[in-house]
Amino acid sequence: MSIEVKNLFKYYGSQAAVKDISFKVNSGEIVGFLGPNGAGKSTTMKVITGFISASGGEVKVCGLPVSSDSLATRKLIGYLPENNPLYLDMYVKEYLTFVGKIYKVENLKERVAEMIKKVGLEVEQNKKIGQLSKGYRQRVGLAQAIIHDPDVLILDEPTSGLDPNQLVEIRELIKSIGREKTVMLSTHIMQEVEAICDRIVIINKGEIVADDKAADLQLVGSKLTVYAEFEGTVSKSLLKKIPGVGKVEQVKGGWLLESKENIDLRKAVAKFAQENDILAITLRTEEKSLEEVFKNLTK
């Protein structure tokens, strides 16, 4: 188990930022850590990295408790904070060498060259960091986070402020790194989560409200909906009598039938059509987007 959070609390004065949360991240897994602003994402990540201490509970990284062995666990973690603090007056190679010396990286010159190639900084390696675009600065941030070859990578909003081209490049880079590392990723970009993450943990008001695979989250906190299109006229009142149907809404070309519970209504609708001698032209489930699920769970 690379990350284990058990009954974690964090208070700022009398205000609880994180309330008794528990989750695990397995080795070699990329987990998206989602939540609205102020939900407790960054606080949780800072506790995991040892940047701040917990008020209660236990956090382990690769089996080591962060509270009592913070220095040892930090050696196992690569951390890219949301604001990506960099020394803008330093050259790219100079900065990565500086970070490598802090971690006492062996064969440092070769390792710096390897990181520059891995994150695609070859063209920019002789520039000062302050001269780089936001996308290349994020690459420098990723390079410093993995230069000591950590087992766990914590990324807080790694694509914030990037243009669409930069976003795709950084996303692919994170996916390639994720083949070798355990990655915990915080972001507000739902397409990014769906493209990168194996699993999603959603936090709201300091509490975990979902923990599942992206596809399975479509069944969490939302009702399954079926789109049905019939030949001829069908009344709303008649459709409401179908077993399991909760809400009926007429849309252009057909009807949206929402289940009372998370069940697939297609069989019931097909049976209804057959019994009432009605031809069902179209019958399909309407999948909730991850964004819709997120809104349902955090509103």
Protein backbone atom coordinates (compact mmCIF):
# COMPACT_ATOMS: atom_id res chain seq x y z
CA MET A 1 0.00 0.00 0.00
CA SER A 2 1.64 3.28 -1.09
CA ILE A 3 -0.68 5.71 0.74
CA GLU A 4 -2.94 4.87 3.65
CA VAL A 5 -5.08 7.55 5.31
CA LYS A 6 -7.04 6.42 8.36
CA ASN A 7 -9.50 8.55 10.38
CA LEU A 8 -7.69 11.77 9.48
CA PHE A 9 -8.70 15.04 11.13
CA LYS A 10 -7.23 18.50 10.57
CA TYR A 11 -8.39 21.57 12.47
CA TYR A 12 -7.51 25.21 11.91
CA GLY A 13 -8.49 26.67 15.25
CA SER A 14 -12.02 25.44 15.87
CA GLN A 15 -12.74 24.87 12.17
CA ALA A 16 -12.40 21.31 10.85
CA ALA A 17 -10.87 21.31 7.36
CA VAL A 18 -10.78 17.50 7.23
CA LYS A 19 -13.22 15.33 9.20
CA ASP A 20 -12.43 11.68 9.89
CA ILE A 21 -11.52 10.66 6.33
CA SER A 22 -10.05 7.30 5.31
CA PHE A 23 -8.84 5.99 1.95
CA LYS A 24 -5.99 3.99 0.40
CA VAL A 25 -3.95 4.32 -2.76
CA ASN A 26 -2.42 1.11 -4.07
CA SER A 27 1.03 0.77 -5.58
CA GLY A 28 1.12 1.73 -9.27
CA GLU A 29 -2.30 3.38 -9.16
CA ILE A 30 -3.24 6.86 -10.45
CA VAL A 31 -5.96 8.31 -8.20
CA GLY A 32 -7.83 11.54 -8.85
CA PHE A 33 -8.54 13.50 -5.67
CA LEU A 34 -11.46 15.83 -6.41
CA GLY A 35 -13.51 18.38 -4.54
CA PRO A 36 -14.76 21.97 -4.71
CA ASN A 37 -12.64 24.84 -3.40
CA GLY A 38 -12.25 24.63 0.35
CA ALA A 39 -13.23 20.95 0.49
CA GLY A 40 -9.96 19.84 2.11
CA LYS A 41 -7.98 18.55 -0.90
CA SER A 42 -4.82 20.60 -0.48
CA THR A 43 -4.91 20.18 3.29
CA THR A 44 -5.03 16.39 2.95
CA MET A 45 -2.17 16.41 0.45
CA LYS A 46 -0.07 18.62 2.70
CA VAL A 47 -0.61 16.21 5.61
CA ILE A 48 0.37 13.22 3.43
CA THR A 49 3.57 14.96 2.34
CA GLY A 50 4.43 15.97 5.90
CA PHE A 51 4.16 19.67 5.04
CA ILE A 52 1.66 20.15 7.89
CA SER A 53 0.77 17.89 10.81
CA ALA A 54 -2.56 16.16 11.35
CA SER A 55 -4.83 16.97 14.29
CA GLY A 56 -5.85 13.33 14.57
CA GLY A 57 -5.77 10.01 12.77
CA GLU A 58 -2.93 8.29 10.94
CA VAL A 59 -1.23 8.64 7.57
CA LYS A 60 1.25 6.09 6.21
CA VAL A 61 3.40 6.27 3.08
CA CYS A 62 4.80 2.93 1.90
CA GLY A 63 4.03 1.55 5.35
CA LEU A 64 5.86 4.31 7.26
CA PRO A 65 3.88 6.65 9.56
CA VAL A 66 4.24 10.28 8.47
CA SER A 67 3.75 11.65 12.00
CA SER A 68 6.72 9.83 13.53
CA ASP A 69 8.95 9.33 10.47
CA SER A 70 8.38 12.47 8.41
CA LEU A 71 11.90 12.71 7.01
CA ALA A 72 11.92 9.10 5.82
CA THR A 73 8.49 9.43 4.16
CA ARG A 74 9.45 12.68 2.42
CA LYS A 75 12.27 10.83 0.69
CA LEU A 76 9.65 8.50 -0.77
CA ILE A 77 7.42 11.32 -2.08
CA GLY A 78 7.65 13.64 -5.05
CA TYR A 79 5.48 16.73 -4.51
CA LEU A 80 4.29 19.35 -6.98
CA PRO A 81 2.25 21.93 -5.02
CA GLU A 82 -0.47 24.01 -6.65
CA ASN A 83 1.58 27.20 -6.94
CA ASN A 84 4.73 25.39 -8.17
CA PRO A 85 7.27 27.52 -6.26
CA LEU A 86 10.42 27.81 -8.38
CA TYR A 87 13.55 29.95 -8.23
CA LEU A 88 12.93 32.09 -11.30
CA ASP A 89 16.48 33.50 -11.44
CA MET A 90 18.04 30.05 -11.65
CA TYR A 91 18.71 28.21 -14.91
CA VAL A 92 16.79 24.96 -15.49
CA LYS A 93 19.85 22.69 -15.17
CA GLU A 94 21.13 24.73 -12.22
CA TYR A 95 17.82 24.41 -10.36
CA LEU A 96 17.47 20.66 -10.94
CA THR A 97 21.07 20.18 -9.80
CA PHE A 98 20.28 22.20 -6.67
CA VAL A 99 17.23 20.04 -5.88
CA GLY A 100 19.19 16.87 -6.60
CA LYS A 101 21.88 17.88 -4.11
CA ILE A 102 19.22 18.38 -1.43
CA TYR A 103 18.06 14.80 -2.00
CA LYS A 104 21.70 13.60 -2.23
CA VAL A 105 21.03 12.05 -5.63
CA GLU A 106 23.88 9.87 -6.92
CA ASN A 107 25.29 10.41 -10.42
CA LEU A 108 23.56 13.78 -10.34
CA LYS A 109 24.75 15.11 -13.69
CA GLU A 110 23.40 12.04 -15.51
CA ARG A 111 20.16 12.15 -13.50
CA VAL A 112 19.55 15.82 -14.36
CA ALA A 113 20.09 15.07 -18.04
CA GLU A 114 17.69 12.12 -17.77
CA MET A 115 14.97 14.26 -16.14
CA ILE A 116 15.35 17.02 -18.74
CA LYS A 117 14.82 14.47 -21.49
CA LYS A 118 11.96 12.72 -19.69
CA VAL A 119 9.88 15.87 -19.26
CA GLY A 120 10.79 17.39 -22.63
CA LEU A 121 12.96 20.30 -21.52
CA GLU A 122 15.88 19.77 -23.92
CA VAL A 123 15.24 22.95 -25.93
CA GLU A 124 14.74 25.09 -22.79
CA GLN A 125 17.36 23.59 -20.50
CA ASN A 126 19.81 26.51 -20.78
CA LYS A 127 17.23 29.20 -20.04
CA LYS A 128 16.39 30.85 -16.76
CA ILE A 129 13.15 29.50 -15.27
CA GLY A 130 11.69 33.01 -15.28
CA GLN A 131 11.96 33.04 -19.09
CA LEU A 132 9.88 29.89 -19.51
CA SER A 133 6.18 29.63 -20.37
CA LYS A 134 3.73 28.27 -17.79
CA GLY A 135 3.77 24.87 -19.49
CA TYR A 136 7.54 24.55 -19.35
CA ARG A 137 7.60 25.73 -15.73
CA GLN A 138 5.20 22.88 -14.92
CA ARG A 139 7.64 20.51 -16.61
CA VAL A 140 10.42 21.86 -14.39
CA GLY A 141 8.15 21.30 -11.39
CA LEU A 142 7.52 17.71 -12.44
CA ALA A 143 11.22 17.13 -13.03
CA GLN A 144 12.13 18.35 -9.52
CA ALA A 145 9.35 16.17 -8.06
CA ILE A 146 10.75 12.96 -9.59
CA ILE A 147 14.49 13.65 -9.68
CA HIS A 148 15.09 11.54 -6.55
CA ASP A 149 13.07 8.64 -8.03
CA PRO A 150 10.25 8.64 -5.44
CA ASP A 151 7.76 5.80 -5.07
CA VAL A 152 4.82 8.21 -4.65
CA LEU A 153 3.99 11.35 -6.63
CA ILE A 154 1.59 13.98 -5.22
CA LEU A 155 0.37 16.53 -7.80
CA ASP A 156 -1.83 19.44 -6.71
CA GLU A 157 -3.51 21.12 -9.72
CA PRO A 158 -0.60 20.27 -12.09
CA THR A 159 -2.33 21.68 -15.19
CA SER A 160 -3.74 24.87 -13.69
CA GLY A 161 -3.45 27.81 -16.08
CA LEU A 162 -2.19 25.84 -19.07
CA ASP A 163 -3.44 26.33 -22.61
CA PRO A 164 -5.10 23.34 -24.39
CA ASN A 165 -1.88 22.23 -26.11
CA GLN A 166 0.16 22.44 -22.91
CA LEU A 167 -2.60 20.62 -21.03
CA VAL A 168 -2.47 17.65 -23.39
CA GLU A 169 1.33 17.50 -23.21
CA ILE A 170 1.43 17.57 -19.39
CA ARG A 171 -1.43 15.05 -19.22
CA GLU A 172 0.49 12.59 -21.40
CA LEU A 173 3.60 13.18 -19.32
CA ILE A 174 1.73 12.37 -16.09
CA LYS A 175 0.30 9.20 -17.67
CA SER A 176 3.79 8.04 -18.66
CA ILE A 177 5.13 8.75 -15.16
CA GLY A 178 2.13 6.92 -13.69
CA ARG A 179 3.25 3.68 -15.32
CA GLU A 180 6.19 3.64 -12.93
CA LYS A 181 4.92 5.52 -9.85
CA THR A 182 1.92 5.74 -7.56
CA VAL A 183 0.26 9.07 -8.39
CA MET A 184 -2.27 11.10 -6.41
CA LEU A 185 -3.64 13.92 -8.54
CA SER A 186 -5.81 16.88 -7.56
CA THR A 187 -7.57 18.83 -10.32
CA HIS A 188 -10.80 20.60 -11.28
CA ILE A 189 -10.64 19.42 -14.90
CA MET A 190 -12.98 16.42 -15.19
CA GLN A 191 -11.81 15.40 -18.68
CA GLU A 192 -8.31 15.16 -17.29
CA VAL A 193 -9.45 12.82 -14.52
CA GLU A 194 -11.33 10.58 -16.95
CA ALA A 195 -8.30 10.44 -19.26
CA ILE A 196 -5.65 9.78 -16.62
CA CYS A 197 -7.02 8.27 -13.42
CA ASP A 198 -7.68 4.64 -12.48
CA ARG A 199 -9.82 5.65 -9.52
CA ILE A 200 -11.48 8.78 -8.13
CA VAL A 201 -11.88 9.97 -4.55
CA ILE A 202 -14.23 12.92 -4.05
CA ILE A 203 -14.10 15.05 -0.90
CA ASN A 204 -16.72 17.63 0.09
CA LYS A 205 -16.76 19.82 3.20
CA GLY A 206 -13.92 17.78 4.66
CA GLU A 207 -15.59 14.38 4.18
CA ILE A 208 -15.18 11.62 1.57
CA VAL A 209 -18.39 11.35 -0.46
CA ALA A 210 -17.24 8.91 -3.17
CA ASP A 211 -14.40 6.48 -3.84
CA ASP A 212 -14.66 4.37 -6.99
CA LYS A 213 -13.62 3.89 -10.60
CA ALA A 214 -14.69 6.71 -12.94
CA ALA A 215 -17.17 4.51 -14.85
CA ASP A 216 -18.74 3.17 -11.66
CA LEU A 217 -19.15 6.67 -10.23
CA GLN A 218 -21.95 7.21 -12.74
CA LEU A 219 -24.05 5.06 -10.40
CA VAL A 220 -23.13 7.05 -7.28
CA GLY A 221 -25.31 9.91 -6.10
CA SER A 222 -27.36 9.99 -9.30
CA LYS A 223 -30.33 8.25 -10.85
CA LEU A 224 -30.02 6.19 -14.02
CA THR A 225 -31.89 7.73 -16.93
CA VAL A 226 -33.25 6.11 -20.09
CA TYR A 227 -34.00 7.98 -23.30
CA ALA A 228 -37.04 6.52 -25.09
CA GLU A 229 -38.51 7.43 -28.45
CA PHE A 230 -41.85 5.97 -29.51
CA GLU A 231 -43.83 5.89 -32.76
CA GLY A 232 -47.04 7.80 -32.27
CA THR A 233 -48.30 9.68 -29.22
CA VAL A 234 -47.56 8.51 -25.67
CA SER A 235 -48.76 10.40 -22.59
CA LYS A 236 -46.59 11.42 -19.66
CA SER A 237 -49.10 9.95 -17.18
CA LEU A 238 -48.92 6.57 -18.90
CA LEU A 239 -45.12 6.52 -18.82
CA LYS A 240 -45.15 7.31 -15.09
CA LYS A 241 -46.97 4.02 -14.50
CA ILE A 242 -43.98 1.97 -15.72
CA PRO A 243 -42.53 0.08 -12.70
CA GLY A 244 -39.39 1.74 -11.38
CA VAL A 245 -39.91 5.08 -13.16
CA GLY A 246 -39.61 8.09 -10.88
CA LYS A 247 -39.38 11.18 -13.06
CA VAL A 248 -40.58 11.67 -16.64
CA GLU A 249 -39.47 14.58 -18.82
CA GLN A 250 -40.42 15.24 -22.44
CA VAL A 251 -37.50 16.34 -24.61
CA LYS A 252 -37.13 17.02 -28.31
CA GLY A 253 -37.90 13.80 -30.14
CA GLY A 254 -38.64 11.62 -27.11
CA TRP A 255 -38.72 11.14 -23.35
CA LEU A 256 -36.24 10.97 -20.47
CA LEU A 257 -37.26 8.41 -17.84
CA GLU A 258 -35.38 8.59 -14.56
CA SER A 259 -35.35 5.54 -12.28
CA LYS A 260 -36.44 5.69 -8.66
CA GLU A 261 -33.32 3.69 -7.82
CA ASN A 262 -30.10 2.95 -9.69
CA ILE A 263 -31.64 0.35 -12.01
CA ASP A 264 -31.70 0.00 -15.78
CA LEU A 265 -35.24 0.76 -16.95
CA ARG A 266 -34.86 -0.49 -20.53
CA LYS A 267 -36.46 -3.91 -19.90
CA ALA A 268 -39.43 -2.34 -18.11
CA VAL A 269 -39.91 0.23 -20.88
CA ALA A 270 -39.66 -2.44 -23.59
CA LYS A 271 -42.26 -4.56 -21.76
CA PHE A 272 -44.52 -1.50 -21.41
CA ALA A 273 -44.27 -0.82 -25.15
CA GLN A 274 -45.07 -4.45 -26.02
CA GLU A 275 -48.06 -4.64 -23.67
CA ASN A 276 -49.51 -1.37 -25.00
CA ASP A 277 -48.84 -2.23 -28.66
CA ILE A 278 -46.47 0.74 -29.01
CA LEU A 279 -43.34 0.68 -31.16
CA ALA A 280 -40.20 1.78 -29.30
CA ILE A 281 -37.95 3.32 -31.97
CA THR A 282 -35.09 4.24 -29.64
CA LEU A 283 -34.20 2.96 -26.19
CA ARG A 284 -30.85 3.78 -24.58
CA THR A 285 -29.34 4.67 -21.23
CA GLU A 286 -28.23 8.26 -20.76
CA GLU A 287 -24.90 8.20 -18.95
CA LYS A 288 -24.15 10.90 -16.42
CA SER A 289 -20.94 12.76 -17.10
CA LEU A 290 -18.33 12.86 -14.36
CA GLU A 291 -19.02 16.58 -14.08
CA GLU A 292 -22.72 15.92 -13.41
CA VAL A 293 -21.86 13.27 -10.80
CA PHE A 294 -19.41 15.67 -9.16
CA LYS A 295 -22.08 18.39 -8.97
CA ASN A 296 -24.62 15.96 -7.52
CA LEU A 297 -22.21 14.83 -4.81
CA THR A 298 -20.85 18.24 -3.83
CA LYS A 299 -23.74 20.70 -4.20
